[in-house]
Amino acid sequence: MKSYRWVLFDADHTLFDFDRASEEALAEVLSQHGYGWEDGMYPDYKRINVQCWTEYEQGKITRDTLVYERFRRYFEFRQLDLDPVATQKEYLKHLGAKPYLMPGAHDILEYLGGIVGLGYITNGMSTVQRPRLTLAGWDNRFDVVVIAGEIGASKPHAAYFEHVHGQIGTPDHSEVLVVGDSLSADIEGAAAFGYHTCWYNPNGEICHLERLPDYTILHLDELRNIIPA
Protein backbone atom coordinates (compact mmCIF):
# COMPACT_ATOMS: atom_id res chain seq x y z
CA MET A 1 0.00 0.00 0.00
CA LYS A 2 1.28 3.45 -0.94
CA SER A 3 2.64 5.57 1.93
CA TYR A 4 1.74 9.27 1.89
CA ARG A 5 3.34 12.09 3.84
CA TRP A 6 0.72 14.71 2.99
CA VAL A 7 -3.02 14.76 2.36
CA LEU A 8 -4.34 17.97 0.83
CA PHE A 9 -8.07 18.62 1.06
CA ASP A 10 -10.24 20.79 -1.11
CA ALA A 11 -12.73 22.84 0.92
CA ASP A 12 -16.15 23.36 -0.67
CA HIS A 13 -18.14 20.18 -1.43
CA THR A 14 -15.32 18.13 0.13
CA LEU A 15 -14.95 19.24 3.75
CA PHE A 16 -17.65 21.90 3.88
CA ASP A 17 -21.27 21.52 2.77
CA PHE A 18 -21.23 24.45 0.37
CA ASP A 19 -24.71 23.97 -1.07
CA ARG A 20 -26.43 24.02 2.31
CA ALA A 21 -24.55 27.13 3.40
CA SER A 22 -24.92 28.84 0.04
CA GLU A 23 -28.66 28.31 -0.22
CA GLU A 24 -29.21 29.65 3.30
CA ALA A 25 -26.96 32.66 2.66
CA LEU A 26 -28.68 33.52 -0.60
CA ALA A 27 -32.15 33.16 0.91
CA GLU A 28 -31.18 35.45 3.81
CA VAL A 29 -29.78 38.12 1.51
CA LEU A 30 -32.80 38.11 -0.78
CA SER A 31 -35.10 38.26 2.24
CA GLN A 32 -33.25 41.34 3.47
CA HIS A 33 -34.16 42.99 0.18
CA GLY A 34 -37.80 41.96 0.26
CA TYR A 35 -37.73 38.94 -2.01
CA GLY A 36 -39.40 35.74 -0.85
CA TRP A 37 -37.69 32.39 -1.33
CA GLU A 38 -39.19 30.08 -3.93
CA ASP A 39 -38.55 26.56 -5.21
CA GLY A 40 -36.04 26.62 -8.01
CA MET A 41 -34.27 29.78 -6.92
CA TYR A 42 -31.20 27.99 -5.62
CA PRO A 43 -30.82 25.49 -8.51
CA ASP A 44 -30.82 28.49 -10.87
CA TYR A 45 -28.11 30.20 -8.85
CA LYS A 46 -26.09 27.00 -8.53
CA ARG A 47 -26.14 26.45 -12.30
CA ILE A 48 -25.00 30.01 -13.00
CA ASN A 49 -22.40 29.89 -10.23
CA VAL A 50 -20.89 26.70 -11.66
CA GLN A 51 -20.77 28.31 -15.11
CA CYS A 52 -18.86 31.29 -13.74
CA TRP A 53 -16.42 29.15 -11.75
CA THR A 54 -15.76 27.05 -14.85
CA GLU A 55 -15.02 30.20 -16.85
CA TYR A 56 -12.70 31.35 -14.08
CA GLU A 57 -10.81 28.04 -14.03
CA GLN A 58 -10.47 28.30 -17.81
CA GLY A 59 -9.04 31.81 -17.54
CA LYS A 60 -12.01 33.43 -19.31
CA ILE A 61 -12.91 35.74 -16.41
CA THR A 62 -11.00 37.02 -13.40
CA ARG A 63 -11.75 36.33 -9.75
CA ASP A 64 -12.82 39.95 -9.23
CA THR A 65 -15.29 39.60 -12.10
CA LEU A 66 -16.56 36.21 -10.95
CA VAL A 67 -17.71 37.39 -7.53
CA TYR A 68 -20.29 39.78 -8.94
CA GLU A 69 -20.85 38.39 -12.45
CA ARG A 70 -22.62 35.30 -11.09
CA PHE A 71 -25.07 37.57 -9.29
CA ARG A 72 -25.50 39.86 -12.29
CA ARG A 73 -26.45 36.88 -14.46
CA TYR A 74 -28.63 35.39 -11.75
CA PHE A 75 -30.55 38.61 -11.10
CA GLU A 76 -31.04 39.10 -14.82
CA PHE A 77 -32.34 35.54 -15.22
CA ARG A 78 -34.68 35.76 -12.22
CA GLN A 79 -35.62 39.40 -13.01
CA LEU A 80 -34.55 40.71 -9.62
CA ASP A 81 -33.77 44.40 -9.22
CA LEU A 82 -30.62 44.18 -7.08
CA ASP A 83 -27.08 45.52 -7.24
CA PRO A 84 -24.79 42.50 -7.88
CA VAL A 85 -21.70 44.15 -6.40
CA ALA A 86 -23.33 45.11 -3.10
CA THR A 87 -25.26 41.85 -2.89
CA GLN A 88 -22.23 39.61 -3.35
CA LYS A 89 -20.55 41.28 -0.37
CA GLU A 90 -23.59 40.57 1.79
CA TYR A 91 -23.75 37.00 0.51
CA LEU A 92 -20.09 36.25 1.27
CA LYS A 93 -20.51 37.55 4.82
CA HIS A 94 -23.46 35.23 5.41
CA LEU A 95 -21.68 32.33 3.71
CA GLY A 96 -18.59 32.62 5.91
CA ALA A 97 -20.77 32.34 9.01
CA LYS A 98 -22.07 28.87 8.10
CA PRO A 99 -19.43 26.19 8.77
CA TYR A 100 -21.56 23.19 7.83
CA LEU A 101 -19.45 20.07 7.41
CA MET A 102 -19.72 17.23 4.92
CA PRO A 103 -20.45 13.81 6.46
CA GLY A 104 -17.36 12.41 8.15
CA ALA A 105 -15.21 15.52 7.67
CA HIS A 106 -14.48 16.10 11.35
CA ASP A 107 -13.76 12.44 12.09
CA ILE A 108 -11.40 11.89 9.16
CA LEU A 109 -9.34 14.94 10.07
CA GLU A 110 -9.12 13.69 13.65
CA TYR A 111 -7.98 10.32 12.34
CA LEU A 112 -5.36 11.68 9.93
CA GLY A 113 -3.90 14.22 12.33
CA GLY A 114 -0.49 12.94 13.43
CA ILE A 115 -0.37 10.32 10.67
CA VAL A 116 0.22 12.73 7.78
CA GLY A 117 0.64 16.43 7.19
CA LEU A 118 -2.71 18.07 6.46
CA GLY A 119 -3.28 20.79 3.87
CA TYR A 120 -6.31 22.92 3.07
CA ILE A 121 -6.27 23.97 -0.58
CA THR A 122 -9.12 26.05 -1.97
CA ASN A 123 -10.13 28.39 -4.77
CA GLY A 124 -12.67 29.93 -2.42
CA MET A 125 -12.72 33.51 -1.18
CA SER A 126 -10.57 34.44 1.81
CA THR A 127 -13.48 36.37 3.32
CA VAL A 128 -15.41 33.08 3.46
CA GLN A 129 -12.64 30.58 4.14
CA ARG A 130 -10.90 32.25 7.09
CA PRO A 131 -14.03 32.91 9.22
CA ARG A 132 -15.40 29.47 8.45
CA LEU A 133 -12.18 27.72 9.52
CA THR A 134 -12.35 29.60 12.81
CA LEU A 135 -16.02 28.79 13.40
CA ALA A 136 -15.36 25.12 12.65
CA GLY A 137 -12.59 25.09 15.25
CA TRP A 138 -10.02 24.33 12.57
CA ASP A 139 -7.65 27.26 13.05
CA ASN A 140 -4.85 24.87 13.97
CA ARG A 141 -6.09 21.72 12.32
CA PHE A 142 -4.13 22.16 9.09
CA ASP A 143 -0.38 22.40 8.72
CA VAL A 144 -0.79 24.43 5.54
CA VAL A 145 -3.68 26.61 4.32
CA VAL A 146 -3.49 27.90 0.75
CA ILE A 147 -6.35 30.14 -0.42
CA ALA A 148 -6.23 31.07 -4.10
CA GLY A 149 -7.28 34.67 -3.57
CA GLU A 150 -4.36 35.24 -1.22
CA ILE A 151 -1.65 34.06 -3.61
CA GLY A 152 -2.85 35.17 -7.05
CA ALA A 153 -3.09 31.66 -8.52
CA SER A 154 -5.79 29.01 -8.47
CA LYS A 155 -6.45 25.35 -9.15
CA PRO A 156 -6.08 23.67 -11.64
CA HIS A 157 -3.13 25.83 -12.73
CA ALA A 158 0.41 24.64 -12.07
CA ALA A 159 1.34 27.92 -10.37
CA TYR A 160 -1.11 27.15 -7.59
CA PHE A 161 0.28 23.67 -6.98
CA GLU A 162 3.85 25.00 -7.20
CA HIS A 163 3.02 27.35 -4.34
CA VAL A 164 1.43 24.55 -2.34
CA HIS A 165 4.42 22.30 -2.96
CA GLY A 166 6.78 24.90 -1.56
CA GLN A 167 4.58 25.35 1.50
CA ILE A 168 4.68 21.63 2.31
CA GLY A 169 8.46 21.41 2.00
CA THR A 170 8.80 20.04 -1.57
CA PRO A 171 8.37 16.31 -0.83
CA ASP A 172 8.42 13.76 -3.62
CA HIS A 173 5.25 14.37 -5.63
CA SER A 174 4.18 10.75 -5.21
CA GLU A 175 4.04 11.22 -1.43
CA VAL A 176 1.20 13.75 -1.73
CA LEU A 177 -2.47 12.83 -2.02
CA VAL A 178 -5.05 15.44 -3.07
CA VAL A 179 -8.67 14.83 -2.04
CA GLY A 180 -11.36 16.83 -3.79
CA ASP A 181 -14.72 16.76 -5.55
CA SER A 182 -13.85 18.71 -8.69
CA LEU A 183 -12.55 16.61 -11.56
CA SER A 184 -11.14 19.68 -13.29
CA ALA A 185 -9.71 21.79 -10.47
CA ASP A 186 -8.72 19.11 -7.96
CA ILE A 187 -8.17 15.82 -9.76
CA GLU A 188 -6.99 16.87 -13.21
CA GLY A 189 -4.94 19.78 -11.87
CA ALA A 190 -3.23 17.77 -9.14
CA ALA A 191 -2.55 14.81 -11.42
CA ALA A 192 -0.94 17.05 -14.03
CA PHE A 193 1.37 18.33 -11.32
CA GLY A 194 2.37 14.80 -10.37
CA TYR A 195 0.38 14.36 -7.17
CA HIS A 196 -1.75 11.31 -6.47
CA THR A 197 -5.46 11.99 -6.45
CA CYS A 198 -8.58 10.84 -4.61
CA TRP A 199 -11.91 11.86 -6.09
CA TYR A 200 -14.56 12.46 -3.44
CA ASN A 201 -17.68 11.40 -5.33
CA PRO A 202 -20.58 11.01 -2.87
CA ASN A 203 -23.20 11.07 -5.64
CA GLY A 204 -21.63 8.23 -7.61
CA GLU A 205 -21.09 10.25 -10.78
CA ILE A 206 -19.21 8.99 -13.83
CA CYS A 207 -15.62 10.15 -14.29
CA HIS A 208 -15.06 11.60 -17.76
CA LEU A 209 -11.30 12.07 -17.49
CA GLU A 210 -8.94 10.09 -19.71
CA ARG A 211 -6.59 9.76 -16.75
CA LEU A 212 -8.62 8.29 -13.93
CA PRO A 213 -8.09 9.31 -10.29
CA ASP A 214 -5.85 7.02 -8.25
CA TYR A 215 -8.76 6.48 -5.88
CA THR A 216 -12.49 7.23 -5.86
CA ILE A 217 -14.47 7.34 -2.62
CA LEU A 218 -18.14 7.79 -1.80
CA HIS A 219 -17.51 8.76 1.83
CA LEU A 220 -14.58 10.52 3.48
CA ASP A 221 -14.26 7.67 5.97
CA GLU A 222 -12.97 5.49 3.13
CA LEU A 223 -9.67 7.36 3.39
CA ARG A 224 -8.93 5.10 6.34
CA ASN A 225 -8.49 2.28 3.83
CA ILE A 226 -6.06 4.34 1.78
CA ILE A 227 -4.06 5.67 4.72
CA PRO A 228 -4.02 3.10 7.53
CA ALA A 229 -3.01 4.15 11.03
C-alpha atoms as a PDB file:
ATOM      1  CA  MET A   1       0.000   0.000   0.000  1.00  0.00           C
ATOM      2  CA  LYS A   2       1.280   3.445  -0.936  1.00  0.00           C
ATOM      3  CA  SER A   3       2.644   5.567   1.925  1.00  0.00           C
ATOM      4  CA  TYR A   4       1.741   9.265   1.890  1.00  0.00           C
ATOM      5  CA  ARG A   5       3.343  12.088   3.837  1.00  0.00           C
ATOM      6  CA  TRP A   6       0.722  14.709   2.988  1.00  0.00           C
ATOM      7  CA  VAL A   7      -3.019  14.757   2.365  1.00  0.00           C
ATOM      8  CA  LEU A   8      -4.335  17.971   0.829  1.00  0.00           C
ATOM      9  CA  PHE A   9      -8.072  18.617   1.063  1.00  0.00           C
ATOM     10  CA  ASP A  10     -10.239  20.785  -1.105  1.00  0.00           C
ATOM     11  CA  ALA A  11     -12.735  22.837   0.918  1.00  0.00           C
ATOM     12  CA  ASP A  12     -16.152  23.359  -0.674  1.00  0.00           C
ATOM     13  CA  HIS A  13     -18.138  20.182  -1.426  1.00  0.00           C
ATOM     14  CA  THR A  14     -15.323  18.131   0.132  1.00  0.00           C
ATOM     15  CA  LEU A  15     -14.947  19.238   3.752  1.00  0.00           C
ATOM     16  CA  PHE A  16     -17.649  21.899   3.879  1.00  0.00           C
ATOM     17  CA  ASP A  17     -21.267  21.515   2.766  1.00  0.00           C
ATOM     18  CA  PHE A  18     -21.228  24.450   0.374  1.00  0.00           C
ATOM     19  CA  ASP A  19     -24.708  23.970  -1.065  1.00  0.00           C
ATOM     20  CA  ARG A  20     -26.432  24.017   2.314  1.00  0.00           C
ATOM     21  CA  ALA A  21     -24.551  27.132   3.402  1.00  0.00           C
ATOM     22  CA  SER A  22     -24.916  28.844   0.039  1.00  0.00           C
ATOM     23  CA  GLU A  23     -28.655  28.310  -0.215  1.00  0.00           C
ATOM     24  CA  GLU A  24     -29.211  29.649   3.297  1.00  0.00           C
ATOM     25  CA  ALA A  25     -26.960  32.658   2.660  1.00  0.00           C
ATOM     26  CA  LEU A  26     -28.682  33.522  -0.600  1.00  0.00           C
ATOM     27  CA  ALA A  27     -32.145  33.157   0.912  1.00  0.00           C
ATOM     28  CA  GLU A  28     -31.176  35.448   3.810  1.00  0.00           C
ATOM     29  CA  VAL A  29     -29.782  38.118   1.509  1.00  0.00           C
ATOM     30  CA  LEU A  30     -32.798  38.105  -0.776  1.00  0.00           C
ATOM     31  CA  SER A  31     -35.095  38.258   2.244  1.00  0.00           C
ATOM     32  CA  GLN A  32     -33.254  41.344   3.473  1.00  0.00           C
ATOM     33  CA  HIS A  33     -34.160  42.991   0.177  1.00  0.00           C
ATOM     34  CA  GLY A  34     -37.802  41.964   0.263  1.00  0.00           C
ATOM     35  CA  TYR A  35     -37.730  38.937  -2.014  1.00  0.00           C
ATOM     36  CA  GLY A  36     -39.398  35.740  -0.854  1.00  0.00           C
ATOM     37  CA  TRP A  37     -37.686  32.393  -1.328  1.00  0.00           C
ATOM     38  CA  GLU A  38     -39.189  30.077  -3.931  1.00  0.00           C
ATOM     39  CA  ASP A  39     -38.545  26.562  -5.205  1.00  0.00           C
ATOM     40  CA  GLY A  40     -36.040  26.622  -8.011  1.00  0.00           C
ATOM     41  CA  MET A  41     -34.269  29.777  -6.922  1.00  0.00           C
ATOM     42  CA  TYR A  42     -31.205  27.989  -5.625  1.00  0.00           C
ATOM     43  CA  PRO A  43     -30.822  25.494  -8.510  1.00  0.00           C
ATOM     44  CA  ASP A  44     -30.818  28.489 -10.873  1.00  0.00           C
ATOM     45  CA  TYR A  45     -28.108  30.200  -8.846  1.00  0.00           C
ATOM     46  CA  LYS A  46     -26.086  27.000  -8.534  1.00  0.00           C
ATOM     47  CA  ARG A  47     -26.137  26.454 -12.299  1.00  0.00           C
ATOM     48  CA  ILE A  48     -24.999  30.008 -12.999  1.00  0.00           C
ATOM     49  CA  ASN A  49     -22.397  29.889 -10.232  1.00  0.00           C
ATOM     50  CA  VAL A  50     -20.892  26.696 -11.658  1.00  0.00           C
ATOM     51  CA  GLN A  51     -20.770  28.312 -15.105  1.00  0.00           C
ATOM     52  CA  CYS A  52     -18.865  31.291 -13.737  1.00  0.00           C
ATOM     53  CA  TRP A  53     -16.420  29.154 -11.753  1.00  0.00           C
ATOM     54  CA  THR A  54     -15.764  27.054 -14.854  1.00  0.00           C
ATOM     55  CA  GLU A  55     -15.019  30.205 -16.854  1.00  0.00           C
ATOM     56  CA  TYR A  56     -12.697  31.351 -14.083  1.00  0.00           C
ATOM     57  CA  GLU A  57     -10.807  28.039 -14.034  1.00  0.00           C
ATOM     58  CA  GLN A  58     -10.467  28.297 -17.808  1.00  0.00           C
ATOM     59  CA  GLY A  59      -9.045  31.808 -17.540  1.00  0.00           C
ATOM     60  CA  LYS A  60     -12.013  33.431 -19.313  1.00  0.00           C
ATOM     61  CA  ILE A  61     -12.913  35.740 -16.409  1.00  0.00           C
ATOM     62  CA  THR A  62     -10.997  37.023 -13.398  1.00  0.00           C
ATOM     63  CA  ARG A  63     -11.749  36.329  -9.749  1.00  0.00           C
ATOM     64  CA  ASP A  64     -12.822  39.951  -9.234  1.00  0.00           C
ATOM     65  CA  THR A  65     -15.291  39.599 -12.099  1.00  0.00           C
ATOM     66  CA  LEU A  66     -16.562  36.213 -10.952  1.00  0.00           C
ATOM     67  CA  VAL A  67     -17.706  37.388  -7.528  1.00  0.00           C
ATOM     68  CA  TYR A  68     -20.291  39.782  -8.936  1.00  0.00           C
ATOM     69  CA  GLU A  69     -20.854  38.390 -12.453  1.00  0.00           C
ATOM     70  CA  ARG A  70     -22.617  35.298 -11.091  1.00  0.00           C
ATOM     71  CA  PHE A  71     -25.074  37.568  -9.286  1.00  0.00           C
ATOM     72  CA  ARG A  72     -25.503  39.860 -12.292  1.00  0.00           C
ATOM     73  CA  ARG A  73     -26.447  36.882 -14.460  1.00  0.00           C
ATOM     74  CA  TYR A  74     -28.635  35.388 -11.751  1.00  0.00           C
ATOM     75  CA  PHE A  75     -30.551  38.615 -11.100  1.00  0.00           C
ATOM     76  CA  GLU A  76     -31.040  39.097 -14.824  1.00  0.00           C
ATOM     77  CA  PHE A  77     -32.335  35.541 -15.223  1.00  0.00           C
ATOM     78  CA  ARG A  78     -34.677  35.764 -12.223  1.00  0.00           C
ATOM     79  CA  GLN A  79     -35.622  39.396 -13.013  1.00  0.00           C
ATOM     80  CA  LEU A  80     -34.554  40.708  -9.618  1.00  0.00           C
ATOM     81  CA  ASP A  81     -33.770  44.401  -9.221  1.00  0.00           C
ATOM     82  CA  LEU A  82     -30.623  44.184  -7.083  1.00  0.00           C
ATOM     83  CA  ASP A  83     -27.076  45.520  -7.244  1.00  0.00           C
ATOM     84  CA  PRO A  84     -24.788  42.500  -7.884  1.00  0.00           C
ATOM     85  CA  VAL A  85     -21.698  44.155  -6.396  1.00  0.00           C
ATOM     86  CA  ALA A  86     -23.329  45.106  -3.103  1.00  0.00           C
ATOM     87  CA  THR A  87     -25.256  41.848  -2.894  1.00  0.00           C
ATOM     88  CA  GLN A  88     -22.228  39.611  -3.350  1.00  0.00           C
ATOM     89  CA  LYS A  89     -20.548  41.283  -0.366  1.00  0.00           C
ATOM     90  CA  GLU A  90     -23.592  40.566   1.787  1.00  0.00           C
ATOM     91  CA  TYR A  91     -23.750  37.002   0.511  1.00  0.00           C
ATOM     92  CA  LEU A  92     -20.088  36.251   1.267  1.00  0.00           C
ATOM     93  CA  LYS A  93     -20.506  37.548   4.819  1.00  0.00           C
ATOM     94  CA  HIS A  94     -23.458  35.228   5.410  1.00  0.00           C
ATOM     95  CA  LEU A  95     -21.677  32.327   3.713  1.00  0.00           C
ATOM     96  CA  GLY A  96     -18.592  32.616   5.912  1.00  0.00           C
ATOM     97  CA  ALA A  97     -20.769  32.345   9.014  1.00  0.00           C
ATOM     98  CA  LYS A  98     -22.071  28.870   8.098  1.00  0.00           C
ATOM     99  CA  PRO A  99     -19.431  26.187   8.769  1.00  0.00           C
ATOM    100  CA  TYR A 100     -21.555  23.190   7.830  1.00  0.00           C
ATOM    101  CA  LEU A 101     -19.447  20.065   7.405  1.00  0.00           C
ATOM    102  CA  MET A 102     -19.722  17.234   4.917  1.00  0.00           C
ATOM    103  CA  PRO A 103     -20.446  13.811   6.461  1.00  0.00           C
ATOM    104  CA  GLY A 104     -17.356  12.407   8.147  1.00  0.00           C
ATOM    105  CA  ALA A 105     -15.214  15.524   7.671  1.00  0.00           C
ATOM    106  CA  HIS A 106     -14.476  16.100  11.352  1.00  0.00           C
ATOM    107  CA  ASP A 107     -13.762  12.436  12.094  1.00  0.00           C
ATOM    108  CA  ILE A 108     -11.405  11.891   9.159  1.00  0.00           C
ATOM    109  CA  LEU A 109      -9.336  14.939  10.074  1.00  0.00           C
ATOM    110  CA  GLU A 110      -9.124  13.691  13.648  1.00  0.00           C
ATOM    111  CA  TYR A 111      -7.976  10.324  12.338  1.00  0.00           C
ATOM    112  CA  LEU A 112      -5.362  11.682   9.925  1.00  0.00           C
ATOM    113  CA  GLY A 113      -3.896  14.224  12.329  1.00  0.00           C
ATOM    114  CA  GLY A 114      -0.494  12.940  13.425  1.00  0.00           C
ATOM    115  CA  ILE A 115      -0.367  10.318  10.674  1.00  0.00           C
ATOM    116  CA  VAL A 116       0.223  12.726   7.776  1.00  0.00           C
ATOM    117  CA  GLY A 117       0.637  16.433   7.194  1.00  0.00           C
ATOM    118  CA  LEU A 118      -2.708  18.072   6.458  1.00  0.00           C
ATOM    119  CA  GLY A 119      -3.276  20.786   3.872  1.00  0.00           C
ATOM    120  CA  TYR A 120      -6.313  22.921   3.067  1.00  0.00           C
ATOM    121  CA  ILE A 121      -6.273  23.967  -0.583  1.00  0.00           C
ATOM    122  CA  THR A 122      -9.117  26.051  -1.969  1.00  0.00           C
ATOM    123  CA  ASN A 123     -10.125  28.389  -4.769  1.00  0.00           C
ATOM    124  CA  GLY A 124     -12.672  29.930  -2.420  1.00  0.00           C
ATOM    125  CA  MET A 125     -12.721  33.513  -1.175  1.00  0.00           C
ATOM    126  CA  SER A 126     -10.573  34.436   1.810  1.00  0.00           C
ATOM    127  CA  THR A 127     -13.483  36.370   3.324  1.00  0.00           C
ATOM    128  CA  VAL A 128     -15.405  33.081   3.463  1.00  0.00           C
ATOM    129  CA  GLN A 129     -12.636  30.575   4.143  1.00  0.00           C
ATOM    130  CA  ARG A 130     -10.899  32.255   7.093  1.00  0.00           C
ATOM    131  CA  PRO A 131     -14.026  32.913   9.216  1.00  0.00           C
ATOM    132  CA  ARG A 132     -15.400  29.475   8.445  1.00  0.00           C
ATOM    133  CA  LEU A 133     -12.185  27.721   9.517  1.00  0.00           C
ATOM    134  CA  THR A 134     -12.352  29.595  12.806  1.00  0.00           C
ATOM    135  CA  LEU A 135     -16.025  28.787  13.399  1.00  0.00           C
ATOM    136  CA  ALA A 136     -15.363  25.115  12.650  1.00  0.00           C
ATOM    137  CA  GLY A 137     -12.591  25.086  15.251  1.00  0.00           C
ATOM    138  CA  TRP A 138     -10.022  24.331  12.574  1.00  0.00           C
ATOM    139  CA  ASP A 139      -7.651  27.262  13.052  1.00  0.00           C
ATOM    140  CA  ASN A 140      -4.854  24.875  13.974  1.00  0.00           C
ATOM    141  CA  ARG A 141      -6.095  21.718  12.321  1.00  0.00           C
ATOM    142  CA  PHE A 142      -4.133  22.162   9.090  1.00  0.00           C
ATOM    143  CA  ASP A 143      -0.382  22.398   8.717  1.00  0.00           C
ATOM    144  CA  VAL A 144      -0.794  24.430   5.538  1.00  0.00           C
ATOM    145  CA  VAL A 145      -3.679  26.605   4.323  1.00  0.00           C
ATOM    146  CA  VAL A 146      -3.489  27.905   0.748  1.00  0.00           C
ATOM    147  CA  ILE A 147      -6.346  30.140  -0.422  1.00  0.00           C
ATOM    148  CA  ALA A 148      -6.226  31.074  -4.097  1.00  0.00           C
ATOM    149  CA  GLY A 149      -7.282  34.670  -3.569  1.00  0.00           C
ATOM    150  CA  GLU A 150      -4.359  35.241  -1.222  1.00  0.00           C
ATOM    151  CA  ILE A 151      -1.647  34.058  -3.614  1.00  0.00           C
ATOM    152  CA  GLY A 152      -2.848  35.165  -7.050  1.00  0.00           C
ATOM    153  CA  ALA A 153      -3.089  31.660  -8.519  1.00  0.00           C
ATOM    154  CA  SER A 154      -5.790  29.014  -8.474  1.00  0.00           C
ATOM    155  CA  LYS A 155      -6.453  25.351  -9.151  1.00  0.00           C
ATOM    156  CA  PRO A 156      -6.076  23.669 -11.636  1.00  0.00           C
ATOM    157  CA  HIS A 157      -3.127  25.830 -12.731  1.00  0.00           C
ATOM    158  CA  ALA A 158       0.410  24.635 -12.068  1.00  0.00           C
ATOM    159  CA  ALA A 159       1.344  27.922 -10.366  1.00  0.00           C
ATOM    160  CA  TYR A 160      -1.113  27.153  -7.588  1.00  0.00           C
ATOM    161  CA  PHE A 161       0.281  23.671  -6.982  1.00  0.00           C
ATOM    162  CA  GLU A 162       3.846  24.996  -7.199  1.00  0.00           C
ATOM    163  CA  HIS A 163       3.023  27.350  -4.338  1.00  0.00           C
ATOM    164  CA  VAL A 164       1.428  24.546  -2.345  1.00  0.00           C
ATOM    165  CA  HIS A 165       4.419  22.300  -2.963  1.00  0.00           C
ATOM    166  CA  GLY A 166       6.776  24.896  -1.557  1.00  0.00           C
ATOM    167  CA  GLN A 167       4.578  25.347   1.500  1.00  0.00           C
ATOM    168  CA  ILE A 168       4.681  21.628   2.309  1.00  0.00           C
ATOM    169  CA  GLY A 169       8.459  21.408   1.995  1.00  0.00           C
ATOM    170  CA  THR A 170       8.798  20.043  -1.571  1.00  0.00           C
ATOM    171  CA  PRO A 171       8.374  16.314  -0.834  1.00  0.00           C
ATOM    172  CA  ASP A 172       8.417  13.760  -3.623  1.00  0.00           C
ATOM    173  CA  HIS A 173       5.248  14.371  -5.626  1.00  0.00           C
ATOM    174  CA  SER A 174       4.182  10.745  -5.211  1.00  0.00           C
ATOM    175  CA  GLU A 175       4.037  11.224  -1.428  1.00  0.00           C
ATOM    176  CA  VAL A 176       1.200  13.748  -1.729  1.00  0.00           C
ATOM    177  CA  LEU A 177      -2.474  12.825  -2.019  1.00  0.00           C
ATOM    178  CA  VAL A 178      -5.048  15.439  -3.067  1.00  0.00           C
ATOM    179  CA  VAL A 179      -8.668  14.834  -2.042  1.00  0.00           C
ATOM    180  CA  GLY A 180     -11.363  16.828  -3.795  1.00  0.00           C
ATOM    181  CA  ASP A 181     -14.720  16.764  -5.548  1.00  0.00           C
ATOM    182  CA  SER A 182     -13.850  18.713  -8.690  1.00  0.00           C
ATOM    183  CA  LEU A 183     -12.546  16.610 -11.557  1.00  0.00           C
ATOM    184  CA  SER A 184     -11.143  19.681 -13.291  1.00  0.00           C
ATOM    185  CA  ALA A 185      -9.712  21.791 -10.473  1.00  0.00           C
ATOM    186  CA  ASP A 186      -8.718  19.113  -7.958  1.00  0.00           C
ATOM    187  CA  ILE A 187      -8.172  15.824  -9.764  1.00  0.00           C
ATOM    188  CA  GLU A 188      -6.985  16.873 -13.214  1.00  0.00           C
ATOM    189  CA  GLY A 189      -4.944  19.781 -11.872  1.00  0.00           C
ATOM    190  CA  ALA A 190      -3.226  17.770  -9.142  1.00  0.00           C
ATOM    191  CA  ALA A 191      -2.546  14.809 -11.420  1.00  0.00           C
ATOM    192  CA  ALA A 192      -0.940  17.046 -14.034  1.00  0.00           C
ATOM    193  CA  PHE A 193       1.370  18.334 -11.315  1.00  0.00           C
ATOM    194  CA  GLY A 194       2.366  14.802 -10.373  1.00  0.00           C
ATOM    195  CA  TYR A 195       0.378  14.364  -7.173  1.00  0.00           C
ATOM    196  CA  HIS A 196      -1.746  11.311  -6.466  1.00  0.00           C
ATOM    197  CA  THR A 197      -5.463  11.986  -6.446  1.00  0.00           C
ATOM    198  CA  CYS A 198      -8.577  10.842  -4.612  1.00  0.00           C
ATOM    199  CA  TRP A 199     -11.914  11.855  -6.090  1.00  0.00           C
ATOM    200  CA  TYR A 200     -14.563  12.459  -3.442  1.00  0.00           C
ATOM    201  CA  ASN A 201     -17.678  11.400  -5.333  1.00  0.00           C
ATOM    202  CA  PRO A 202     -20.579  11.009  -2.868  1.00  0.00           C
ATOM    203  CA  ASN A 203     -23.202  11.066  -5.642  1.00  0.00           C
ATOM    204  CA  GLY A 204     -21.633   8.225  -7.608  1.00  0.00           C
ATOM    205  CA  GLU A 205     -21.093  10.253 -10.776  1.00  0.00           C
ATOM    206  CA  ILE A 206     -19.213   8.995 -13.832  1.00  0.00           C
ATOM    207  CA  CYS A 207     -15.615  10.146 -14.293  1.00  0.00           C
ATOM    208  CA  HIS A 208     -15.063  11.598 -17.765  1.00  0.00           C
ATOM    209  CA  LEU A 209     -11.298  12.066 -17.493  1.00  0.00           C
ATOM    210  CA  GLU A 210      -8.940  10.090 -19.708  1.00  0.00           C
ATOM    211  CA  ARG A 211      -6.588   9.764 -16.752  1.00  0.00           C
ATOM    212  CA  LEU A 212      -8.624   8.294 -13.928  1.00  0.00           C
ATOM    213  CA  PRO A 213      -8.086   9.310 -10.286  1.00  0.00           C
ATOM    214  CA  ASP A 214      -5.847   7.020  -8.254  1.00  0.00           C
ATOM    215  CA  TYR A 215      -8.764   6.481  -5.877  1.00  0.00           C
ATOM    216  CA  THR A 216     -12.488   7.228  -5.864  1.00  0.00           C
ATOM    217  CA  ILE A 217     -14.471   7.339  -2.618  1.00  0.00           C
ATOM    218  CA  LEU A 218     -18.143   7.788  -1.802  1.00  0.00           C
ATOM    219  CA  HIS A 219     -17.508   8.761   1.832  1.00  0.00           C
ATOM    220  CA  LEU A 220     -14.584  10.522   3.476  1.00  0.00           C
ATOM    221  CA  ASP A 221     -14.264   7.675   5.970  1.00  0.00           C
ATOM    222  CA  GLU A 222     -12.967   5.486   3.129  1.00  0.00           C
ATOM    223  CA  LEU A 223      -9.667   7.363   3.389  1.00  0.00           C
ATOM    224  CA  ARG A 224      -8.927   5.098   6.342  1.00  0.00           C
ATOM    225  CA  ASN A 225      -8.495   2.276   3.834  1.00  0.00           C
ATOM    226  CA  ILE A 226      -6.064   4.340   1.777  1.00  0.00           C
ATOM    227  CA  ILE A 227      -4.060   5.674   4.716  1.00  0.00           C
ATOM    228  CA  PRO A 228      -4.021   3.100   7.530  1.00  0.00           C
ATOM    229  CA  ALA A 229      -3.013   4.147  11.031  1.00  0.00           C
END
